[in-house]
């Protein structure tokens, strides 16, 4: 059995845990929008060096028009719309809760793959997705004194995280159309080009270039952005494309969703945050859904 896609997805989860933590710290210092554009620029530099050394091409000039079209659109949807919402959620409700909500990408990806790609999923995979969603619900829902169910975190942050998840899921599926057997790292370059162009237009429309250039003066933030850019736009996104290249998008994104569990020890031992038993239980239930998909 070829598990290249599955292992690539698990490696992606590890990358996301480092990226999410780094970008949460940086985003609170410089804002989510400057962070988005800077990390894409830095990630592009890493990719140009890597693809030049491995492919002899610093830029994906060998890609067909069809490949460029679909991957460029995938970048606009996933990296501009999706990540813009997700990174703002990092600032409002933190990386750990945002990434747990981000675990809703798998059912979204599975449903979109069914309708757009005609890919089916086994009953056990569908069951695993519902278990994952149950874990998310345990964390973000709570009861008040009148036993009424309410959200345990600000609704704006939760909606931003779900919006980011949907943008990423749709970006995954669109990318599948253009990826085929094309090099995953070169494909990531195309997506990053789309992201850079998208944010450049956004900054120009909003007239917020001042905040972009001001961010470079924040040395601590730039250190975290560089670290997050290596494990995110460079390594993480490339591994995620490799994953969907070799397995069903729903399965790939479900395995990637173990990031919230990886973030728990980081929150406790590195950031000295309080993590409740309910939040820990919810995260592990979400990962139980991953196990069902992976093992059954």
C-alpha atoms as a PDB file:
ATOM      1  CA  UNK A   1       0.000   0.000   0.000  1.00  0.00           C
ATOM      2  CA  UNK A   2       1.368   3.393  -1.026  1.00  0.00           C
ATOM      3  CA  UNK A   3       0.944   5.776   1.907  1.00  0.00           C
ATOM      4  CA  UNK A   4       2.917   8.686   0.455  1.00  0.00           C
ATOM      5  CA  UNK A   5      -0.123  10.987   0.569  1.00  0.00           C
ATOM      6  CA  UNK A   6      -1.014  10.042   4.132  1.00  0.00           C
ATOM      7  CA  UNK A   7       2.499  10.561   5.488  1.00  0.00           C
ATOM      8  CA  UNK A   8       2.810  13.857   3.613  1.00  0.00           C
ATOM      9  CA  UNK A   9      -0.420  14.984   5.288  1.00  0.00           C
ATOM     10  CA  UNK A  10       0.889  14.045   8.755  1.00  0.00           C
ATOM     11  CA  UNK A  11       4.114  15.962   8.076  1.00  0.00           C
ATOM     12  CA  UNK A  12       1.957  18.909   7.023  1.00  0.00           C
ATOM     13  CA  UNK A  13       0.233  18.835  10.420  1.00  0.00           C
ATOM     14  CA  UNK A  14       3.606  19.121  12.170  1.00  0.00           C
ATOM     15  CA  UNK A  15       4.514  22.091   9.954  1.00  0.00           C
ATOM     16  CA  UNK A  16       1.170  23.790  10.660  1.00  0.00           C
ATOM     17  CA  UNK A  17       1.715  23.526  14.423  1.00  0.00           C
ATOM     18  CA  UNK A  18       4.970  25.500  14.153  1.00  0.00           C
ATOM     19  CA  UNK A  19       3.493  27.932  11.640  1.00  0.00           C
ATOM     20  CA  UNK A  20       0.315  28.611  13.626  1.00  0.00           C
ATOM     21  CA  UNK A  21       2.209  29.358  16.821  1.00  0.00           C
ATOM     22  CA  UNK A  22       4.714  31.602  15.047  1.00  0.00           C
ATOM     23  CA  UNK A  23       2.080  33.525  13.125  1.00  0.00           C
ATOM     24  CA  UNK A  24      -0.139  34.031  16.169  1.00  0.00           C
ATOM     25  CA  UNK A  25       2.735  35.787  17.958  1.00  0.00           C
ATOM     26  CA  UNK A  26       3.688  37.811  14.876  1.00  0.00           C
ATOM     27  CA  UNK A  27       0.101  38.688  13.974  1.00  0.00           C
ATOM     28  CA  UNK A  28      -0.539  40.249  17.373  1.00  0.00           C
ATOM     29  CA  UNK A  29       2.467  42.512  16.830  1.00  0.00           C
ATOM     30  CA  UNK A  30       2.091  43.581  13.178  1.00  0.00           C
ATOM     31  CA  UNK A  31      -1.497  42.647  12.214  1.00  0.00           C
ATOM     32  CA  UNK A  32      -2.832  39.805  10.084  1.00  0.00           C
ATOM     33  CA  UNK A  33      -2.691  41.548   6.696  1.00  0.00           C
ATOM     34  CA  UNK A  34       1.016  42.583   6.674  1.00  0.00           C
ATOM     35  CA  UNK A  35       1.806  39.130   8.073  1.00  0.00           C
ATOM     36  CA  UNK A  36       0.054  37.428   5.153  1.00  0.00           C
ATOM     37  CA  UNK A  37       1.959  39.232   2.428  1.00  0.00           C
ATOM     38  CA  UNK A  38       5.356  39.090   4.129  1.00  0.00           C
ATOM     39  CA  UNK A  39       5.135  35.350   4.781  1.00  0.00           C
ATOM     40  CA  UNK A  40       4.248  34.722   1.106  1.00  0.00           C
ATOM     41  CA  UNK A  41       7.238  36.767  -0.057  1.00  0.00           C
ATOM     42  CA  UNK A  42       9.620  34.945   2.289  1.00  0.00           C
ATOM     43  CA  UNK A  43       8.103  31.582   1.384  1.00  0.00           C
ATOM     44  CA  UNK A  44       8.617  32.360  -2.304  1.00  0.00           C
ATOM     45  CA  UNK A  45      12.317  32.973  -1.711  1.00  0.00           C
ATOM     46  CA  UNK A  46      12.683  29.596   0.033  1.00  0.00           C
ATOM     47  CA  UNK A  47      10.852  27.910  -2.851  1.00  0.00           C
ATOM     48  CA  UNK A  48      12.912  29.604  -5.574  1.00  0.00           C
ATOM     49  CA  UNK A  49      16.134  28.372  -3.967  1.00  0.00           C
ATOM     50  CA  UNK A  50      14.771  24.868  -3.426  1.00  0.00           C
ATOM     51  CA  UNK A  51      13.311  24.393  -6.915  1.00  0.00           C
ATOM     52  CA  UNK A  52      16.451  25.780  -8.533  1.00  0.00           C
ATOM     53  CA  UNK A  53      18.548  23.208  -6.666  1.00  0.00           C
ATOM     54  CA  UNK A  54      16.161  20.291  -7.271  1.00  0.00           C
ATOM     55  CA  UNK A  55      14.646  21.085 -10.678  1.00  0.00           C
ATOM     56  CA  UNK A  56      17.095  23.513 -12.256  1.00  0.00           C
ATOM     57  CA  UNK A  57      14.279  26.061 -12.474  1.00  0.00           C
ATOM     58  CA  UNK A  58      13.864  28.932 -10.022  1.00  0.00           C
ATOM     59  CA  UNK A  59      10.387  29.650 -11.392  1.00  0.00           C
ATOM     60  CA  UNK A  60       7.706  27.237 -12.735  1.00  0.00           C
ATOM     61  CA  UNK A  61       8.082  28.203 -16.400  1.00  0.00           C
ATOM     62  CA  UNK A  62       7.539  24.592 -17.469  1.00  0.00           C
ATOM     63  CA  UNK A  63       3.936  24.536 -16.218  1.00  0.00           C
ATOM     64  CA  UNK A  64       1.152  24.465 -18.812  1.00  0.00           C
ATOM     65  CA  UNK A  65      -1.499  27.151 -19.105  1.00  0.00           C
ATOM     66  CA  UNK A  66      -4.073  24.780 -17.575  1.00  0.00           C
ATOM     67  CA  UNK A  67      -1.798  24.112 -14.607  1.00  0.00           C
ATOM     68  CA  UNK A  68      -1.200  27.827 -14.079  1.00  0.00           C
ATOM     69  CA  UNK A  69      -4.911  28.615 -14.397  1.00  0.00           C
ATOM     70  CA  UNK A  70      -6.146  26.170 -11.780  1.00  0.00           C
ATOM     71  CA  UNK A  71      -3.277  26.581  -9.315  1.00  0.00           C
ATOM     72  CA  UNK A  72      -3.430  30.364  -9.582  1.00  0.00           C
ATOM     73  CA  UNK A  73      -7.155  30.273  -8.806  1.00  0.00           C
ATOM     74  CA  UNK A  74      -6.455  27.843  -5.979  1.00  0.00           C
ATOM     75  CA  UNK A  75      -3.948  30.334  -4.541  1.00  0.00           C
ATOM     76  CA  UNK A  76      -6.408  33.209  -4.682  1.00  0.00           C
ATOM     77  CA  UNK A  77      -9.106  31.224  -2.894  1.00  0.00           C
ATOM     78  CA  UNK A  78      -6.936  29.389  -0.363  1.00  0.00           C
ATOM     79  CA  UNK A  79      -4.076  31.794   0.368  1.00  0.00           C
ATOM     80  CA  UNK A  80      -5.804  35.146  -0.003  1.00  0.00           C
ATOM     81  CA  UNK A  81      -9.392  34.595   1.113  1.00  0.00           C
ATOM     82  CA  UNK A  82      -8.904  31.513   3.294  1.00  0.00           C
ATOM     83  CA  UNK A  83      -5.707  32.527   5.063  1.00  0.00           C
ATOM     84  CA  UNK A  84      -6.776  36.154   5.443  1.00  0.00           C
ATOM     85  CA  UNK A  85      -9.744  34.946   7.493  1.00  0.00           C
ATOM     86  CA  UNK A  86      -7.772  32.282   9.374  1.00  0.00           C
ATOM     87  CA  UNK A  87      -4.939  34.597  10.380  1.00  0.00           C
ATOM     88  CA  UNK A  88      -7.383  37.164  11.690  1.00  0.00           C
ATOM     89  CA  UNK A  89      -8.922  34.340  13.735  1.00  0.00           C
ATOM     90  CA  UNK A  90      -5.426  33.648  15.156  1.00  0.00           C
ATOM     91  CA  UNK A  91      -5.370  37.203  16.483  1.00  0.00           C
ATOM     92  CA  UNK A  92      -8.911  37.066  17.924  1.00  0.00           C
ATOM     93  CA  UNK A  93      -9.211  33.576  19.446  1.00  0.00           C
ATOM     94  CA  UNK A  94      -5.661  32.202  19.275  1.00  0.00           C
ATOM     95  CA  UNK A  95      -3.954  29.627  17.071  1.00  0.00           C
ATOM     96  CA  UNK A  96      -4.963  26.558  19.099  1.00  0.00           C
ATOM     97  CA  UNK A  97      -8.749  27.114  18.932  1.00  0.00           C
ATOM     98  CA  UNK A  98      -8.525  28.412  15.365  1.00  0.00           C
ATOM     99  CA  UNK A  99      -6.669  25.292  14.220  1.00  0.00           C
ATOM    100  CA  UNK A 100      -9.173  23.063  15.987  1.00  0.00           C
ATOM    101  CA  UNK A 101     -12.004  24.739  14.069  1.00  0.00           C
ATOM    102  CA  UNK A 102      -9.782  24.393  11.011  1.00  0.00           C
ATOM    103  CA  UNK A 103     -10.271  20.646  11.405  1.00  0.00           C
ATOM    104  CA  UNK A 104     -13.641  21.225   9.705  1.00  0.00           C
ATOM    105  CA  UNK A 105     -11.676  21.346   6.436  1.00  0.00           C
ATOM    106  CA  UNK A 106     -11.953  17.531   5.979  1.00  0.00           C
ATOM    107  CA  UNK A 107     -15.757  17.258   5.750  1.00  0.00           C
ATOM    108  CA  UNK A 108     -15.815  20.377   3.600  1.00  0.00           C
ATOM    109  CA  UNK A 109     -13.118  18.896   1.346  1.00  0.00           C
ATOM    110  CA  UNK A 110     -14.859  15.533   1.186  1.00  0.00           C
ATOM    111  CA  UNK A 111     -18.191  17.066   0.227  1.00  0.00           C
ATOM    112  CA  UNK A 112     -16.608  19.375  -2.351  1.00  0.00           C
ATOM    113  CA  UNK A 113     -14.558  16.480  -3.773  1.00  0.00           C
ATOM    114  CA  UNK A 114     -17.753  14.454  -4.154  1.00  0.00           C
ATOM    115  CA  UNK A 115     -19.566  17.164  -6.095  1.00  0.00           C
ATOM    116  CA  UNK A 116     -16.657  18.679  -8.035  1.00  0.00           C
ATOM    117  CA  UNK A 117     -14.284  15.735  -8.580  1.00  0.00           C
ATOM    118  CA  UNK A 118     -16.676  12.786  -8.404  1.00  0.00           C
ATOM    119  CA  UNK A 119     -14.544  11.159  -5.673  1.00  0.00           C
ATOM    120  CA  UNK A 120     -16.339   8.882  -3.253  1.00  0.00           C
ATOM    121  CA  UNK A 121     -15.490   8.132   0.357  1.00  0.00           C
ATOM    122  CA  UNK A 122     -15.910   4.966   2.407  1.00  0.00           C
ATOM    123  CA  UNK A 123     -18.542   4.880   5.183  1.00  0.00           C
ATOM    124  CA  UNK A 124     -15.755   4.677   7.787  1.00  0.00           C
ATOM    125  CA  UNK A 125     -14.185   7.832   6.383  1.00  0.00           C
ATOM    126  CA  UNK A 126     -17.500   9.654   6.635  1.00  0.00           C
ATOM    127  CA  UNK A 127     -17.902   8.379  10.221  1.00  0.00           C
ATOM    128  CA  UNK A 128     -14.432   9.671  11.060  1.00  0.00           C
ATOM    129  CA  UNK A 129     -15.345  13.095   9.752  1.00  0.00           C
ATOM    130  CA  UNK A 130     -18.424  13.283  11.986  1.00  0.00           C
ATOM    131  CA  UNK A 131     -16.347  12.228  14.997  1.00  0.00           C
ATOM    132  CA  UNK A 132     -13.895  15.020  14.171  1.00  0.00           C
ATOM    133  CA  UNK A 133     -16.723  17.561  14.018  1.00  0.00           C
ATOM    134  CA  UNK A 134     -18.009  16.305  17.378  1.00  0.00           C
ATOM    135  CA  UNK A 135     -14.623  17.035  18.917  1.00  0.00           C
ATOM    136  CA  UNK A 136     -14.722  20.579  17.546  1.00  0.00           C
ATOM    137  CA  UNK A 137     -18.242  21.106  18.903  1.00  0.00           C
ATOM    138  CA  UNK A 138     -17.196  20.002  22.405  1.00  0.00           C
ATOM    139  CA  UNK A 139     -14.578  22.751  22.493  1.00  0.00           C
ATOM    140  CA  UNK A 140     -16.466  25.684  20.967  1.00  0.00           C
ATOM    141  CA  UNK A 141     -19.869  25.028  22.582  1.00  0.00           C
ATOM    142  CA  UNK A 142     -20.749  25.345  26.259  1.00  0.00           C
ATOM    143  CA  UNK A 143     -23.829  25.705  28.494  1.00  0.00           C
ATOM    144  CA  UNK A 144     -24.725  28.741  30.562  1.00  0.00           C
ATOM    145  CA  UNK A 145     -26.485  28.753  33.953  1.00  0.00           C
ATOM    146  CA  UNK A 146     -29.830  28.214  32.218  1.00  0.00           C
ATOM    147  CA  UNK A 147     -28.516  25.163  30.352  1.00  0.00           C
ATOM    148  CA  UNK A 148     -28.653  27.057  27.076  1.00  0.00           C
ATOM    149  CA  UNK A 149     -25.971  26.141  24.555  1.00  0.00           C
ATOM    150  CA  UNK A 150     -23.718  29.046  23.622  1.00  0.00           C
ATOM    151  CA  UNK A 151     -20.329  29.651  22.062  1.00  0.00           C
ATOM    152  CA  UNK A 152     -17.363  29.505  24.430  1.00  0.00           C
ATOM    153  CA  UNK A 153     -15.320  31.954  22.339  1.00  0.00           C
ATOM    154  CA  UNK A 154     -16.106  35.216  20.477  1.00  0.00           C
ATOM    155  CA  UNK A 155     -18.415  34.505  17.546  1.00  0.00           C
ATOM    156  CA  UNK A 156     -16.431  36.739  15.180  1.00  0.00           C
ATOM    157  CA  UNK A 157     -13.263  34.706  15.747  1.00  0.00           C
ATOM    158  CA  UNK A 158     -15.120  31.410  15.333  1.00  0.00           C
ATOM    159  CA  UNK A 159     -16.765  32.540  12.088  1.00  0.00           C
ATOM    160  CA  UNK A 160     -13.425  33.776  10.772  1.00  0.00           C
ATOM    161  CA  UNK A 161     -11.854  30.382  11.515  1.00  0.00           C
ATOM    162  CA  UNK A 162     -14.690  28.505   9.783  1.00  0.00           C
ATOM    163  CA  UNK A 163     -14.449  30.906   6.840  1.00  0.00           C
ATOM    164  CA  UNK A 164     -10.734  30.240   6.622  1.00  0.00           C
ATOM    165  CA  UNK A 165     -11.391  26.504   6.695  1.00  0.00           C
ATOM    166  CA  UNK A 166     -13.887  26.727   3.839  1.00  0.00           C
ATOM    167  CA  UNK A 167     -11.506  28.847   1.755  1.00  0.00           C
ATOM    168  CA  UNK A 168      -8.720  26.335   2.284  1.00  0.00           C
ATOM    169  CA  UNK A 169     -10.990  23.373   1.465  1.00  0.00           C
ATOM    170  CA  UNK A 170     -12.138  24.972  -1.779  1.00  0.00           C
ATOM    171  CA  UNK A 171      -8.549  25.928  -2.585  1.00  0.00           C
ATOM    172  CA  UNK A 172      -7.501  22.284  -2.126  1.00  0.00           C
ATOM    173  CA  UNK A 173     -10.151  21.043  -4.545  1.00  0.00           C
ATOM    174  CA  UNK A 174      -9.456  23.692  -7.189  1.00  0.00           C
ATOM    175  CA  UNK A 175      -5.743  22.902  -6.927  1.00  0.00           C
ATOM    176  CA  UNK A 176      -6.479  19.231  -7.594  1.00  0.00           C
ATOM    177  CA  UNK A 177      -7.718  20.153 -11.090  1.00  0.00           C
ATOM    178  CA  UNK A 178      -4.368  21.640 -12.084  1.00  0.00           C
ATOM    179  CA  UNK A 179      -1.950  19.561 -10.024  1.00  0.00           C
ATOM    180  CA  UNK A 180      -2.088  16.104 -11.627  1.00  0.00           C
ATOM    181  CA  UNK A 181       1.558  14.890 -11.818  1.00  0.00           C
ATOM    182  CA  UNK A 182       3.163  18.328 -11.669  1.00  0.00           C
ATOM    183  CA  UNK A 183       5.880  18.937  -9.065  1.00  0.00           C
ATOM    184  CA  UNK A 184       4.251  19.857  -5.738  1.00  0.00           C
ATOM    185  CA  UNK A 185       6.867  22.464  -4.787  1.00  0.00           C
ATOM    186  CA  UNK A 186       6.645  24.200  -8.177  1.00  0.00           C
ATOM    187  CA  UNK A 187       2.859  24.096  -7.866  1.00  0.00           C
ATOM    188  CA  UNK A 188       3.176  25.851  -4.517  1.00  0.00           C
ATOM    189  CA  UNK A 189       5.171  28.599  -6.242  1.00  0.00           C
ATOM    190  CA  UNK A 190       2.248  29.264  -8.565  1.00  0.00           C
ATOM    191  CA  UNK A 191      -0.155  29.420  -5.633  1.00  0.00           C
ATOM    192  CA  UNK A 192       2.143  31.837  -3.795  1.00  0.00           C
ATOM    193  CA  UNK A 193       2.393  34.059  -6.875  1.00  0.00           C
ATOM    194  CA  UNK A 194      -1.408  34.261  -6.847  1.00  0.00           C
ATOM    195  CA  UNK A 195      -1.382  35.070  -3.146  1.00  0.00           C
ATOM    196  CA  UNK A 196       1.213  37.818  -3.535  1.00  0.00           C
ATOM    197  CA  UNK A 197      -0.708  39.409  -6.418  1.00  0.00           C
ATOM    198  CA  UNK A 198      -3.978  39.124  -4.499  1.00  0.00           C
ATOM    199  CA  UNK A 199      -2.619  40.815  -1.364  1.00  0.00           C
ATOM    200  CA  UNK A 200      -0.812  43.465  -3.425  1.00  0.00           C
ATOM    201  CA  UNK A 201      -4.139  44.429  -4.990  1.00  0.00           C
ATOM    202  CA  UNK A 202      -5.834  44.343  -1.573  1.00  0.00           C
ATOM    203  CA  UNK A 203      -3.180  46.603   0.006  1.00  0.00           C
ATOM    204  CA  UNK A 204      -3.406  49.031  -2.917  1.00  0.00           C
ATOM    205  CA  UNK A 205      -7.193  49.250  -2.714  1.00  0.00           C
ATOM    206  CA  UNK A 206      -7.159  49.767   1.050  1.00  0.00           C
ATOM    207  CA  UNK A 207      -4.118  52.038   1.022  1.00  0.00           C
ATOM    208  CA  UNK A 208      -2.477  50.132   3.869  1.00  0.00           C
ATOM    209  CA  UNK A 209       1.092  49.861   2.571  1.00  0.00           C
ATOM    210  CA  UNK A 210       2.306  51.888   5.560  1.00  0.00           C
ATOM    211  CA  UNK A 211       1.475  49.046   7.946  1.00  0.00           C
ATOM    212  CA  UNK A 212       3.253  46.598   5.624  1.00  0.00           C
ATOM    213  CA  UNK A 213       6.562  48.489   5.669  1.00  0.00           C
ATOM    214  CA  UNK A 214       6.244  49.261   9.372  1.00  0.00           C
ATOM    215  CA  UNK A 215       6.145  45.513  10.098  1.00  0.00           C
ATOM    216  CA  UNK A 216       9.771  45.099   8.983  1.00  0.00           C
ATOM    217  CA  UNK A 217      10.874  47.237  11.946  1.00  0.00           C
ATOM    218  CA  UNK A 218       9.470  44.661  14.384  1.00  0.00           C
ATOM    219  CA  UNK A 219      12.505  42.373  14.681  1.00  0.00           C
ATOM    220  CA  UNK A 220      10.861  39.831  16.985  1.00  0.00           C
ATOM    221  CA  UNK A 221       7.819  39.573  14.733  1.00  0.00           C
ATOM    222  CA  UNK A 222       9.994  39.210  11.626  1.00  0.00           C
ATOM    223  CA  UNK A 223      11.861  36.339  13.280  1.00  0.00           C
ATOM    224  CA  UNK A 224       8.603  34.498  13.919  1.00  0.00           C
ATOM    225  CA  UNK A 225       7.319  35.319  10.412  1.00  0.00           C
ATOM    226  CA  UNK A 226      10.486  33.858   8.868  1.00  0.00           C
ATOM    227  CA  UNK A 227      10.188  30.690  10.957  1.00  0.00           C
ATOM    228  CA  UNK A 228       6.503  30.346  10.123  1.00  0.00           C
ATOM    229  CA  UNK A 229       7.158  31.035   6.437  1.00  0.00           C
ATOM    230  CA  UNK A 230       9.636  28.168   6.201  1.00  0.00           C
ATOM    231  CA  UNK A 231       7.231  25.663   7.748  1.00  0.00           C
ATOM    232  CA  UNK A 232       4.114  27.189   6.144  1.00  0.00           C
ATOM    233  CA  UNK A 233       4.248  28.679   2.611  1.00  0.00           C
ATOM    234  CA  UNK A 234       7.398  26.701   1.771  1.00  0.00           C
ATOM    235  CA  UNK A 235       7.283  23.273   3.396  1.00  0.00           C
ATOM    236  CA  UNK A 236       3.728  22.950   4.719  1.00  0.00           C
ATOM    237  CA  UNK A 237       1.813  23.991   1.607  1.00  0.00           C
ATOM    238  CA  UNK A 238       4.103  21.910  -0.619  1.00  0.00           C
ATOM    239  CA  UNK A 239       3.558  18.821   1.531  1.00  0.00           C
ATOM    240  CA  UNK A 240      -0.208  19.434   1.549  1.00  0.00           C
ATOM    241  CA  UNK A 241      -0.216  19.490  -2.263  1.00  0.00           C
ATOM    242  CA  UNK A 242       1.883  16.316  -2.307  1.00  0.00           C
ATOM    243  CA  UNK A 243      -0.702  14.766  -0.002  1.00  0.00           C
ATOM    244  CA  UNK A 244      -3.728  15.539  -2.176  1.00  0.00           C
ATOM    245  CA  UNK A 245      -1.716  14.427  -5.206  1.00  0.00           C
ATOM    246  CA  UNK A 246      -1.486  10.916  -3.752  1.00  0.00           C
ATOM    247  CA  UNK A 247      -4.708  10.478  -1.773  1.00  0.00           C
ATOM    248  CA  UNK A 248      -8.293  11.697  -1.495  1.00  0.00           C
ATOM    249  CA  UNK A 249      -8.448  15.410  -0.524  1.00  0.00           C
ATOM    250  CA  UNK A 250     -10.800  14.639   2.362  1.00  0.00           C
ATOM    251  CA  UNK A 251      -8.426  12.034   3.787  1.00  0.00           C
ATOM    252  CA  UNK A 252      -5.390  14.286   3.311  1.00  0.00           C
ATOM    253  CA  UNK A 253      -6.973  17.271   5.008  1.00  0.00           C
ATOM    254  CA  UNK A 254      -8.307  15.103   7.847  1.00  0.00           C
ATOM    255  CA  UNK A 255      -4.837  13.803   8.653  1.00  0.00           C
ATOM    256  CA  UNK A 256      -3.541  17.356   8.492  1.00  0.00           C
ATOM    257  CA  UNK A 257      -6.120  18.338  11.103  1.00  0.00           C
ATOM    258  CA  UNK A 258      -4.215  16.672  13.969  1.00  0.00           C
ATOM    259  CA  UNK A 259      -2.463  20.030  14.404  1.00  0.00           C
ATOM    260  CA  UNK A 260      -4.683  21.026  17.396  1.00  0.00           C
ATOM    261  CA  UNK A 261      -3.373  18.070  19.413  1.00  0.00           C
ATOM    262  CA  UNK A 262       0.210  18.973  18.539  1.00  0.00           C
ATOM    263  CA  UNK A 263      -0.489  22.509  19.778  1.00  0.00           C
ATOM    264  CA  UNK A 264      -1.651  21.394  23.257  1.00  0.00           C
ATOM    265  CA  UNK A 265       1.841  20.666  24.678  1.00  0.00           C
ATOM    266  CA  UNK A 266       3.101  23.858  23.044  1.00  0.00           C
ATOM    267  CA  UNK A 267       0.355  25.831  24.813  1.00  0.00           C
ATOM    268  CA  UNK A 268       1.019  24.193  28.185  1.00  0.00           C
ATOM    269  CA  UNK A 269       4.813  23.952  28.335  1.00  0.00           C
ATOM    270  CA  UNK A 270       6.012  26.724  26.017  1.00  0.00           C
ATOM    271  CA  UNK A 271       3.345  29.422  26.242  1.00  0.00           C
ATOM    272  CA  UNK A 272       2.235  28.565  29.814  1.00  0.00           C
ATOM    273  CA  UNK A 273      -1.455  28.719  28.839  1.00  0.00           C
ATOM    274  CA  UNK A 274      -4.287  27.007  30.696  1.00  0.00           C
ATOM    275  CA  UNK A 275      -5.803  24.227  28.610  1.00  0.00           C
ATOM    276  CA  UNK A 276      -9.037  22.878  30.069  1.00  0.00           C
ATOM    277  CA  UNK A 277      -9.905  19.195  30.247  1.00  0.00           C
ATOM    278  CA  UNK A 278     -12.831  19.826  27.886  1.00  0.00           C
ATOM    279  CA  UNK A 279     -10.566  21.408  25.279  1.00  0.00           C
ATOM    280  CA  UNK A 280      -8.091  18.549  25.535  1.00  0.00           C
ATOM    281  CA  UNK A 281     -10.886  15.965  25.303  1.00  0.00           C
ATOM    282  CA  UNK A 282     -12.390  17.695  22.291  1.00  0.00           C
ATOM    283  CA  UNK A 283      -9.041  17.792  20.505  1.00  0.00           C
ATOM    284  CA  UNK A 284      -8.436  14.086  21.111  1.00  0.00           C
ATOM    285  CA  UNK A 285     -11.955  13.169  19.965  1.00  0.00           C
ATOM    286  CA  UNK A 286     -11.263  15.132  16.789  1.00  0.00           C
ATOM    287  CA  UNK A 287      -8.108  13.099  16.294  1.00  0.00           C
ATOM    288  CA  UNK A 288     -10.041   9.884  16.998  1.00  0.00           C
ATOM    289  CA  UNK A 289     -11.925  10.767  13.839  1.00  0.00           C
ATOM    290  CA  UNK A 290      -8.578  10.951  12.073  1.00  0.00           C
ATOM    291  CA  UNK A 291      -7.682   7.490  13.389  1.00  0.00           C
ATOM    292  CA  UNK A 292     -10.946   6.046  12.089  1.00  0.00           C
ATOM    293  CA  UNK A 293     -10.206   7.393   8.624  1.00  0.00           C
ATOM    294  CA  UNK A 294      -6.566   6.328   8.690  1.00  0.00           C
ATOM    295  CA  UNK A 295      -6.857   2.855  10.230  1.00  0.00           C
ATOM    296  CA  UNK A 296     -10.285   1.465   9.238  1.00  0.00           C
END
